Amino acid sequence: MKIQNVTNYLEELAPLSYAESFDNVGLLVGNYNTKVTGVLVTLDSLEATVDEAIAKNCNLIVSFHPIIFGGLKKLNGNTYVERVVLKAIKNDIAIYAMHTALDNIKDGVSGKICTVLGLKNTEILIPKSNLKTQETIGMGMIGELETEMNEAAFLQFVKTTMKTACIRHSELLGKSIKKVAVLGGSGSFAIENAIALNADAYISSDFKYHDFFKAEKQILLTDIGHYESEQFTKNLLVEYLTKKFTNFAVILSEKSTNPIYYS
């Protein structure tokens, strides 16, 4: 089994053409013709991730975030990106990134959040048509809680379920929460979409100070943290890969790659 077989399958699930134009997805390090010894699935590719892959005899890292994003002009090991790439090359470790290609499928990043939260009657938050297949793709999801709850109960539910130490949120409005929009990663651009679809609450991350004013007393905006909003993505990828491949190990990375700490 070669790396090409694994990447072909991943691209059936989330075609690289689905990725946003600014993104850098696909096989970033390595050779498609290399025989696979094992796959390590992670959210980010760091030096510790490469070390983990080596220790677990995995020569392919399937990562959500791309380690190479804005391009490399030098490989001197002066930055964490350069050190990761150098270590991967030296140890014959390939790195494949999915990022917004996986964001844009219904059963991708935001779809997994819906599953974790138990949302029903889900649909894409910002749909767009794929001209090649006529399939509806897009960013974010929106659905309904099984049982509506007040804002305080909702915030505690999200904090517990999404395993976050802190939630930054907009003004409490004294209304019940039933319809919930979600978007993994940086999601301030979709606030208006969530409001337009009458969501009672919107779960995402990386909201800036002025983004919270956009709630306009119409919605509860909740910023749960970037890592926290995407943390279940690697579980989703392991589920997909283990169903397809049984002749080599598919391993969920044990390393937390969250660079943010709370005190």
C-alpha atoms as a PDB file:
ATOM      1  CA  MET A   1       0.000   0.000   0.000  1.00  0.00           C
ATOM      2  CA  LYS A   2       1.465   3.337  -1.059  1.00  0.00           C
ATOM      3  CA  ILE A   3       0.888   6.859   0.188  1.00  0.00           C
ATOM      4  CA  GLN A   4      -0.944   7.537  -3.084  1.00  0.00           C
ATOM      5  CA  ASN A   5      -3.629   5.002  -2.084  1.00  0.00           C
ATOM      6  CA  VAL A   6      -4.256   6.819   1.188  1.00  0.00           C
ATOM      7  CA  THR A   7      -4.282  10.292  -0.340  1.00  0.00           C
ATOM      8  CA  ASN A   8      -6.577   9.159  -3.156  1.00  0.00           C
ATOM      9  CA  TYR A   9      -9.090   8.027  -0.557  1.00  0.00           C
ATOM     10  CA  LEU A  10      -8.785  11.250   1.437  1.00  0.00           C
ATOM     11  CA  GLU A  11      -9.373  13.212  -1.762  1.00  0.00           C
ATOM     12  CA  GLU A  12     -12.512  11.189  -2.460  1.00  0.00           C
ATOM     13  CA  LEU A  13     -13.788  12.319   0.926  1.00  0.00           C
ATOM     14  CA  ALA A  14     -12.600  15.909   0.619  1.00  0.00           C
ATOM     15  CA  PRO A  15     -11.363  16.826  -2.877  1.00  0.00           C
ATOM     16  CA  LEU A  16      -8.528  19.331  -2.850  1.00  0.00           C
ATOM     17  CA  SER A  17     -10.564  21.467  -5.241  1.00  0.00           C
ATOM     18  CA  TYR A  18     -12.937  22.144  -2.322  1.00  0.00           C
ATOM     19  CA  ALA A  19     -10.216  24.010  -0.437  1.00  0.00           C
ATOM     20  CA  GLU A  20     -10.266  27.796  -0.268  1.00  0.00           C
ATOM     21  CA  SER A  21      -8.009  29.606  -2.734  1.00  0.00           C
ATOM     22  CA  PHE A  22      -5.701  30.913   0.003  1.00  0.00           C
ATOM     23  CA  ASP A  23      -5.055  27.448   1.407  1.00  0.00           C
ATOM     24  CA  ASN A  24      -2.197  24.952   1.003  1.00  0.00           C
ATOM     25  CA  VAL A  25      -3.521  21.394   1.061  1.00  0.00           C
ATOM     26  CA  GLY A  26      -2.415  17.974  -0.145  1.00  0.00           C
ATOM     27  CA  LEU A  27       0.921  16.166   0.182  1.00  0.00           C
ATOM     28  CA  LEU A  28       3.276  18.835   1.521  1.00  0.00           C
ATOM     29  CA  VAL A  29       6.258  16.607   2.325  1.00  0.00           C
ATOM     30  CA  GLY A  30       7.124  13.183   0.912  1.00  0.00           C
ATOM     31  CA  ASN A  31       6.648  10.965  -2.125  1.00  0.00           C
ATOM     32  CA  TYR A  32       3.381   9.427  -3.305  1.00  0.00           C
ATOM     33  CA  ASN A  33       5.151   6.156  -4.208  1.00  0.00           C
ATOM     34  CA  THR A  34       6.469   5.470  -0.704  1.00  0.00           C
ATOM     35  CA  LYS A  35       5.103   2.337   0.958  1.00  0.00           C
ATOM     36  CA  VAL A  36       2.992   3.136   4.040  1.00  0.00           C
ATOM     37  CA  THR A  37       4.118   1.655   7.359  1.00  0.00           C
ATOM     38  CA  GLY A  38       1.532   3.498   9.446  1.00  0.00           C
ATOM     39  CA  VAL A  39      -0.512   6.696   9.600  1.00  0.00           C
ATOM     40  CA  LEU A  40      -0.497   9.187  12.466  1.00  0.00           C
ATOM     41  CA  VAL A  41      -3.500  11.529  12.505  1.00  0.00           C
ATOM     42  CA  THR A  42      -3.115  14.938  14.115  1.00  0.00           C
ATOM     43  CA  LEU A  43      -4.508  18.452  14.138  1.00  0.00           C
ATOM     44  CA  ASP A  44      -1.098  20.101  13.668  1.00  0.00           C
ATOM     45  CA  SER A  45       2.295  18.877  12.485  1.00  0.00           C
ATOM     46  CA  LEU A  46       4.916  19.898  15.045  1.00  0.00           C
ATOM     47  CA  GLU A  47       8.348  18.529  15.911  1.00  0.00           C
ATOM     48  CA  ALA A  48       6.757  16.490  18.701  1.00  0.00           C
ATOM     49  CA  THR A  49       4.302  15.103  16.146  1.00  0.00           C
ATOM     50  CA  VAL A  50       7.138  13.920  13.902  1.00  0.00           C
ATOM     51  CA  ASP A  51       8.855  12.368  16.947  1.00  0.00           C
ATOM     52  CA  GLU A  52       5.606  10.568  17.782  1.00  0.00           C
ATOM     53  CA  ALA A  53       5.322   9.286  14.208  1.00  0.00           C
ATOM     54  CA  ILE A  54       8.877   7.947  14.360  1.00  0.00           C
ATOM     55  CA  ALA A  55       8.254   6.252  17.721  1.00  0.00           C
ATOM     56  CA  LYS A  56       5.080   4.607  16.428  1.00  0.00           C
ATOM     57  CA  ASN A  57       6.528   3.516  13.070  1.00  0.00           C
ATOM     58  CA  CYS A  58       4.238   5.819  11.092  1.00  0.00           C
ATOM     59  CA  ASN A  59       5.765   7.300   7.952  1.00  0.00           C
ATOM     60  CA  LEU A  60       2.686   9.315   6.982  1.00  0.00           C
ATOM     61  CA  ILE A  61       1.230  12.134   9.057  1.00  0.00           C
ATOM     62  CA  VAL A  62      -2.297  13.152   8.106  1.00  0.00           C
ATOM     63  CA  SER A  63      -2.721  16.618   9.547  1.00  0.00           C
ATOM     64  CA  PHE A  64      -5.651  18.996   9.497  1.00  0.00           C
ATOM     65  CA  HIS A  65      -3.608  22.208   9.463  1.00  0.00           C
ATOM     66  CA  PRO A  66      -0.860  22.620   6.834  1.00  0.00           C
ATOM     67  CA  ILE A  67       2.613  23.057   8.336  1.00  0.00           C
ATOM     68  CA  ILE A  68       3.674  24.914   5.182  1.00  0.00           C
ATOM     69  CA  PHE A  69       1.216  27.713   4.572  1.00  0.00           C
ATOM     70  CA  GLY A  70       2.819  30.894   3.277  1.00  0.00           C
ATOM     71  CA  GLY A  71       5.709  29.235   1.452  1.00  0.00           C
ATOM     72  CA  LEU A  72       9.310  28.504   2.433  1.00  0.00           C
ATOM     73  CA  LYS A  73      12.269  30.468   1.114  1.00  0.00           C
ATOM     74  CA  LYS A  74      14.885  28.788   3.315  1.00  0.00           C
ATOM     75  CA  LEU A  75      15.349  25.505   5.174  1.00  0.00           C
ATOM     76  CA  ASN A  76      17.842  26.401   7.886  1.00  0.00           C
ATOM     77  CA  GLY A  77      15.884  25.247  10.907  1.00  0.00           C
ATOM     78  CA  ASN A  78      15.458  28.780  12.224  1.00  0.00           C
ATOM     79  CA  THR A  79      11.675  28.538  12.626  1.00  0.00           C
ATOM     80  CA  TYR A  80       9.401  25.824  13.961  1.00  0.00           C
ATOM     81  CA  VAL A  81       8.053  25.281  10.428  1.00  0.00           C
ATOM     82  CA  GLU A  82      11.545  24.744   8.991  1.00  0.00           C
ATOM     83  CA  ARG A  83      12.471  22.407  11.833  1.00  0.00           C
ATOM     84  CA  VAL A  84       9.365  20.282  11.294  1.00  0.00           C
ATOM     85  CA  VAL A  85       9.978  19.996   7.557  1.00  0.00           C
ATOM     86  CA  LEU A  86      13.666  19.173   8.020  1.00  0.00           C
ATOM     87  CA  LYS A  87      12.951  16.525  10.650  1.00  0.00           C
ATOM     88  CA  ALA A  88      10.258  14.959   8.483  1.00  0.00           C
ATOM     89  CA  ILE A  89      12.530  14.813   5.442  1.00  0.00           C
ATOM     90  CA  LYS A  90      15.474  13.398   7.425  1.00  0.00           C
ATOM     91  CA  ASN A  91      13.287  10.626   8.798  1.00  0.00           C
ATOM     92  CA  ASP A  92      11.330   9.877   5.608  1.00  0.00           C
ATOM     93  CA  ILE A  93       8.055  11.055   7.124  1.00  0.00           C
ATOM     94  CA  ALA A  94       5.423  12.327   4.679  1.00  0.00           C
ATOM     95  CA  ILE A  95       2.955  15.047   5.701  1.00  0.00           C
ATOM     96  CA  TYR A  96      -0.491  15.466   4.146  1.00  0.00           C
ATOM     97  CA  ALA A  97      -2.794  18.377   5.067  1.00  0.00           C
ATOM     98  CA  MET A  98      -6.564  18.647   4.529  1.00  0.00           C
ATOM     99  CA  HIS A  99      -7.632  21.942   6.128  1.00  0.00           C
ATOM    100  CA  THR A 100     -10.384  23.826   4.255  1.00  0.00           C
ATOM    101  CA  ALA A 101     -11.020  20.922   1.877  1.00  0.00           C
ATOM    102  CA  LEU A 102     -12.349  19.088   4.944  1.00  0.00           C
ATOM    103  CA  ASP A 103     -14.041  22.256   6.231  1.00  0.00           C
ATOM    104  CA  ASN A 104     -16.155  22.454   3.090  1.00  0.00           C
ATOM    105  CA  ILE A 105     -17.809  19.027   3.201  1.00  0.00           C
ATOM    106  CA  LYS A 106     -21.014  18.366   5.125  1.00  0.00           C
ATOM    107  CA  ASP A 107     -19.548  15.497   7.131  1.00  0.00           C
ATOM    108  CA  GLY A 108     -16.314  17.348   7.812  1.00  0.00           C
ATOM    109  CA  VAL A 109     -15.074  19.588  10.608  1.00  0.00           C
ATOM    110  CA  SER A 110     -18.332  21.372  11.443  1.00  0.00           C
ATOM    111  CA  GLY A 111     -20.359  18.219  10.834  1.00  0.00           C
ATOM    112  CA  LYS A 112     -18.303  16.498  13.526  1.00  0.00           C
ATOM    113  CA  ILE A 113     -19.067  19.346  15.944  1.00  0.00           C
ATOM    114  CA  CYS A 114     -22.778  18.782  15.246  1.00  0.00           C
ATOM    115  CA  THR A 115     -22.372  15.092  16.061  1.00  0.00           C
ATOM    116  CA  VAL A 116     -20.532  15.824  19.306  1.00  0.00           C
ATOM    117  CA  LEU A 117     -23.196  18.341  20.364  1.00  0.00           C
ATOM    118  CA  GLY A 118     -26.037  16.065  19.262  1.00  0.00           C
ATOM    119  CA  LEU A 119     -27.544  18.586  16.837  1.00  0.00           C
ATOM    120  CA  LYS A 120     -30.420  17.381  14.655  1.00  0.00           C
ATOM    121  CA  ASN A 121     -31.858  18.546  11.305  1.00  0.00           C
ATOM    122  CA  THR A 122     -28.484  19.873  10.221  1.00  0.00           C
ATOM    123  CA  GLU A 123     -27.666  21.821   7.067  1.00  0.00           C
ATOM    124  CA  ILE A 124     -24.719  23.778   5.731  1.00  0.00           C
ATOM    125  CA  LEU A 125     -24.421  27.284   7.144  1.00  0.00           C
ATOM    126  CA  ILE A 126     -22.845  28.935   4.082  1.00  0.00           C
ATOM    127  CA  PRO A 127     -23.672  26.668   1.125  1.00  0.00           C
ATOM    128  CA  LYS A 128     -22.063  26.913  -2.277  1.00  0.00           C
ATOM    129  CA  SER A 129     -22.490  24.718  -5.334  1.00  0.00           C
ATOM    130  CA  ASN A 130     -19.700  22.572  -6.676  1.00  0.00           C
ATOM    131  CA  LEU A 131     -20.006  22.987 -10.438  1.00  0.00           C
ATOM    132  CA  LYS A 132     -18.310  19.657 -11.201  1.00  0.00           C
ATOM    133  CA  THR A 133     -20.549  17.366  -9.137  1.00  0.00           C
ATOM    134  CA  GLN A 134     -23.533  19.630  -8.347  1.00  0.00           C
ATOM    135  CA  GLU A 135     -22.947  18.635  -4.723  1.00  0.00           C
ATOM    136  CA  THR A 136     -23.671  21.312  -2.131  1.00  0.00           C
ATOM    137  CA  ILE A 137     -20.590  22.119  -0.114  1.00  0.00           C
ATOM    138  CA  GLY A 138     -19.705  24.999   2.151  1.00  0.00           C
ATOM    139  CA  MET A 139     -18.524  26.297   5.485  1.00  0.00           C
ATOM    140  CA  GLY A 140     -20.183  25.715   8.845  1.00  0.00           C
ATOM    141  CA  MET A 141     -23.341  23.880   9.874  1.00  0.00           C
ATOM    142  CA  ILE A 142     -26.588  24.735  11.614  1.00  0.00           C
ATOM    143  CA  GLY A 143     -28.950  22.429  13.479  1.00  0.00           C
ATOM    144  CA  GLU A 144     -31.158  22.011  16.518  1.00  0.00           C
ATOM    145  CA  LEU A 145     -30.552  20.781  20.037  1.00  0.00           C
ATOM    146  CA  GLU A 146     -32.643  17.806  21.119  1.00  0.00           C
ATOM    147  CA  THR A 147     -34.024  19.928  23.955  1.00  0.00           C
ATOM    148  CA  GLU A 148     -33.866  23.693  24.206  1.00  0.00           C
ATOM    149  CA  MET A 149     -32.106  25.159  27.246  1.00  0.00           C
ATOM    150  CA  ASN A 150     -31.514  28.507  28.832  1.00  0.00           C
ATOM    151  CA  GLU A 151     -28.327  30.412  28.089  1.00  0.00           C
ATOM    152  CA  ALA A 152     -26.522  29.510  31.313  1.00  0.00           C
ATOM    153  CA  ALA A 153     -27.242  25.805  30.842  1.00  0.00           C
ATOM    154  CA  PHE A 154     -26.234  26.038  27.184  1.00  0.00           C
ATOM    155  CA  LEU A 155     -22.883  27.650  27.986  1.00  0.00           C
ATOM    156  CA  GLN A 156     -22.140  24.986  30.583  1.00  0.00           C
ATOM    157  CA  PHE A 157     -23.175  22.260  28.146  1.00  0.00           C
ATOM    158  CA  VAL A 158     -20.858  23.644  25.462  1.00  0.00           C
ATOM    159  CA  LYS A 159     -18.002  24.100  27.931  1.00  0.00           C
ATOM    160  CA  THR A 160     -18.277  20.490  29.089  1.00  0.00           C
ATOM    161  CA  THR A 161     -19.002  18.870  25.736  1.00  0.00           C
ATOM    162  CA  MET A 162     -16.367  20.793  23.790  1.00  0.00           C
ATOM    163  CA  LYS A 163     -13.800  20.372  26.596  1.00  0.00           C
ATOM    164  CA  THR A 164     -12.884  24.021  26.805  1.00  0.00           C
ATOM    165  CA  ALA A 165     -11.531  25.850  29.848  1.00  0.00           C
ATOM    166  CA  CYS A 166     -13.060  29.157  28.876  1.00  0.00           C
ATOM    167  CA  ILE A 167     -15.854  30.558  26.697  1.00  0.00           C
ATOM    168  CA  ARG A 168     -15.876  34.179  25.556  1.00  0.00           C
ATOM    169  CA  HIS A 169     -19.422  35.184  24.680  1.00  0.00           C
ATOM    170  CA  SER A 170     -21.639  38.110  23.802  1.00  0.00           C
ATOM    171  CA  GLU A 171     -24.339  39.611  26.021  1.00  0.00           C
ATOM    172  CA  LEU A 172     -26.845  37.172  27.496  1.00  0.00           C
ATOM    173  CA  LEU A 173     -30.305  37.923  26.111  1.00  0.00           C
ATOM    174  CA  GLY A 174     -32.541  35.924  28.441  1.00  0.00           C
ATOM    175  CA  LYS A 175     -33.787  33.678  25.639  1.00  0.00           C
ATOM    176  CA  SER A 176     -33.874  29.922  25.167  1.00  0.00           C
ATOM    177  CA  ILE A 177     -31.309  28.216  22.923  1.00  0.00           C
ATOM    178  CA  LYS A 178     -32.585  25.665  20.417  1.00  0.00           C
ATOM    179  CA  LYS A 179     -31.133  26.441  16.979  1.00  0.00           C
ATOM    180  CA  VAL A 180     -27.339  26.448  16.942  1.00  0.00           C
ATOM    181  CA  ALA A 181     -24.833  27.354  14.218  1.00  0.00           C
ATOM    182  CA  VAL A 182     -21.270  26.023  14.379  1.00  0.00           C
ATOM    183  CA  LEU A 183     -18.061  26.564  12.444  1.00  0.00           C
ATOM    184  CA  GLY A 184     -14.700  25.049  13.321  1.00  0.00           C
ATOM    185  CA  GLY A 185     -11.761  27.434  13.425  1.00  0.00           C
ATOM    186  CA  SER A 186     -11.902  31.162  12.750  1.00  0.00           C
ATOM    187  CA  GLY A 187     -15.562  31.942  12.136  1.00  0.00           C
ATOM    188  CA  SER A 188     -16.276  35.645  12.578  1.00  0.00           C
ATOM    189  CA  PHE A 189     -17.008  35.941   8.842  1.00  0.00           C
ATOM    190  CA  ALA A 190     -20.150  33.795   9.288  1.00  0.00           C
ATOM    191  CA  ILE A 191     -21.837  35.735  12.114  1.00  0.00           C
ATOM    192  CA  GLU A 192     -24.272  37.425   9.728  1.00  0.00           C
ATOM    193  CA  ASN A 193     -25.102  34.059   8.130  1.00  0.00           C
ATOM    194  CA  ALA A 194     -25.943  32.557  11.522  1.00  0.00           C
ATOM    195  CA  ILE A 195     -28.204  35.518  12.321  1.00  0.00           C
ATOM    196  CA  ALA A 196     -29.889  35.341   8.892  1.00  0.00           C
ATOM    197  CA  LEU A 197     -30.783  31.683   9.519  1.00  0.00           C
ATOM    198  CA  ASN A 198     -32.288  32.577  12.906  1.00  0.00           C
ATOM    199  CA  ALA A 199     -29.744  30.732  14.997  1.00  0.00           C
ATOM    200  CA  ASP A 200     -30.139  31.326  18.718  1.00  0.00           C
ATOM    201  CA  ALA A 201     -26.422  30.760  19.270  1.00  0.00           C
ATOM    202  CA  TYR A 202     -23.259  30.519  17.192  1.00  0.00           C
ATOM    203  CA  ILE A 203     -20.238  28.450  18.255  1.00  0.00           C
ATOM    204  CA  SER A 204     -16.890  29.215  16.654  1.00  0.00           C
ATOM    205  CA  SER A 205     -13.574  30.887  17.549  1.00  0.00           C
ATOM    206  CA  ASP A 206     -11.134  33.747  17.055  1.00  0.00           C
ATOM    207  CA  PHE A 207     -13.722  36.501  17.481  1.00  0.00           C
ATOM    208  CA  LYS A 208     -12.135  39.927  17.859  1.00  0.00           C
ATOM    209  CA  TYR A 209     -13.438  42.631  20.204  1.00  0.00           C
ATOM    210  CA  HIS A 210     -15.618  44.325  17.600  1.00  0.00           C
ATOM    211  CA  ASP A 211     -17.026  41.022  16.331  1.00  0.00           C
ATOM    212  CA  PHE A 212     -19.084  40.657  19.500  1.00  0.00           C
ATOM    213  CA  PHE A 213     -20.970  43.870  18.679  1.00  0.00           C
ATOM    214  CA  LYS A 214     -22.298  42.072  15.581  1.00  0.00           C
ATOM    215  CA  ALA A 215     -24.560  40.011  17.845  1.00  0.00           C
ATOM    216  CA  GLU A 216     -26.941  43.021  17.751  1.00  0.00           C
ATOM    217  CA  LYS A 217     -29.019  41.469  20.573  1.00  0.00           C
ATOM    218  CA  GLN A 218     -30.142  38.795  18.116  1.00  0.00           C
ATOM    219  CA  ILE A 219     -27.822  35.892  18.870  1.00  0.00           C
ATOM    220  CA  LEU A 220     -25.505  34.494  21.519  1.00  0.00           C
ATOM    221  CA  LEU A 221     -21.973  34.444  20.087  1.00  0.00           C
ATOM    222  CA  THR A 222     -19.655  31.929  21.755  1.00  0.00           C
ATOM    223  CA  ASP A 223     -15.909  31.766  21.152  1.00  0.00           C
ATOM    224  CA  ILE A 224     -14.687  28.451  22.532  1.00  0.00           C
ATOM    225  CA  GLY A 225     -11.100  28.624  21.233  1.00  0.00           C
ATOM    226  CA  HIS A 226      -9.584  27.644  17.893  1.00  0.00           C
ATOM    227  CA  TYR A 227      -8.083  24.333  18.979  1.00  0.00           C
ATOM    228  CA  GLU A 228     -11.170  23.427  20.991  1.00  0.00           C
ATOM    229  CA  SER A 229     -13.462  24.001  18.008  1.00  0.00           C
ATOM    230  CA  GLU A 230     -11.407  21.665  15.804  1.00  0.00           C
ATOM    231  CA  GLN A 231     -10.138  19.108  18.320  1.00  0.00           C
ATOM    232  CA  PHE A 232     -12.515  16.317  17.235  1.00  0.00           C
ATOM    233  CA  THR A 233     -11.412  16.578  13.604  1.00  0.00           C
ATOM    234  CA  LYS A 234      -8.582  14.104  14.098  1.00  0.00           C
ATOM    235  CA  ASN A 235     -11.050  11.607  15.593  1.00  0.00           C
ATOM    236  CA  LEU A 236     -13.197  12.023  12.487  1.00  0.00           C
ATOM    237  CA  LEU A 237     -10.228  11.303  10.213  1.00  0.00           C
ATOM    238  CA  VAL A 238      -9.265   8.215  12.195  1.00  0.00           C
ATOM    239  CA  GLU A 239     -12.841   6.959  11.844  1.00  0.00           C
ATOM    240  CA  TYR A 240     -12.717   7.433   8.079  1.00  0.00           C
ATOM    241  CA  LEU A 241      -9.284   5.855   7.637  1.00  0.00           C
ATOM    242  CA  THR A 242      -9.817   2.814   9.876  1.00  0.00           C
ATOM    243  CA  LYS A 243     -12.966   1.902   7.973  1.00  0.00           C
ATOM    244  CA  LYS A 244     -11.025   1.889   4.712  1.00  0.00           C
ATOM    245  CA  PHE A 245      -7.573   0.540   5.608  1.00  0.00           C
ATOM    246  CA  THR A 246      -6.814  -2.519   7.731  1.00  0.00           C
ATOM    247  CA  ASN A 247      -3.335  -3.533   6.517  1.00  0.00           C
ATOM    248  CA  PHE A 248      -1.452  -0.864   8.492  1.00  0.00           C
ATOM    249  CA  ALA A 249      -1.989   1.029  11.731  1.00  0.00           C
ATOM    250  CA  VAL A 250      -3.980   4.250  11.789  1.00  0.00           C
ATOM    251  CA  ILE A 251      -3.102   5.990  15.039  1.00  0.00           C
ATOM    252  CA  LEU A 252      -4.725   8.967  16.743  1.00  0.00           C
ATOM    253  CA  SER A 253      -2.001  11.317  17.953  1.00  0.00           C
ATOM    254  CA  GLU A 254      -1.803  11.502  21.737  1.00  0.00           C
ATOM    255  CA  LYS A 255      -0.143  14.912  21.652  1.00  0.00           C
ATOM    256  CA  SER A 256      -2.105  18.090  22.284  1.00  0.00           C
ATOM    257  CA  THR A 257      -0.911  20.714  19.836  1.00  0.00           C
ATOM    258  CA  ASN A 258      -2.870  23.566  21.413  1.00  0.00           C
ATOM    259  CA  PRO A 259      -0.442  26.515  21.786  1.00  0.00           C
ATOM    260  CA  ILE A 260      -2.827  28.387  24.119  1.00  0.00           C
ATOM    261  CA  TYR A 261      -2.920  27.857  27.882  1.00  0.00           C
ATOM    262  CA  TYR A 262      -5.366  29.174  30.475  1.00  0.00           C
ATOM    263  CA  SER A 263      -4.495  30.231  34.023  1.00  0.00           C
END
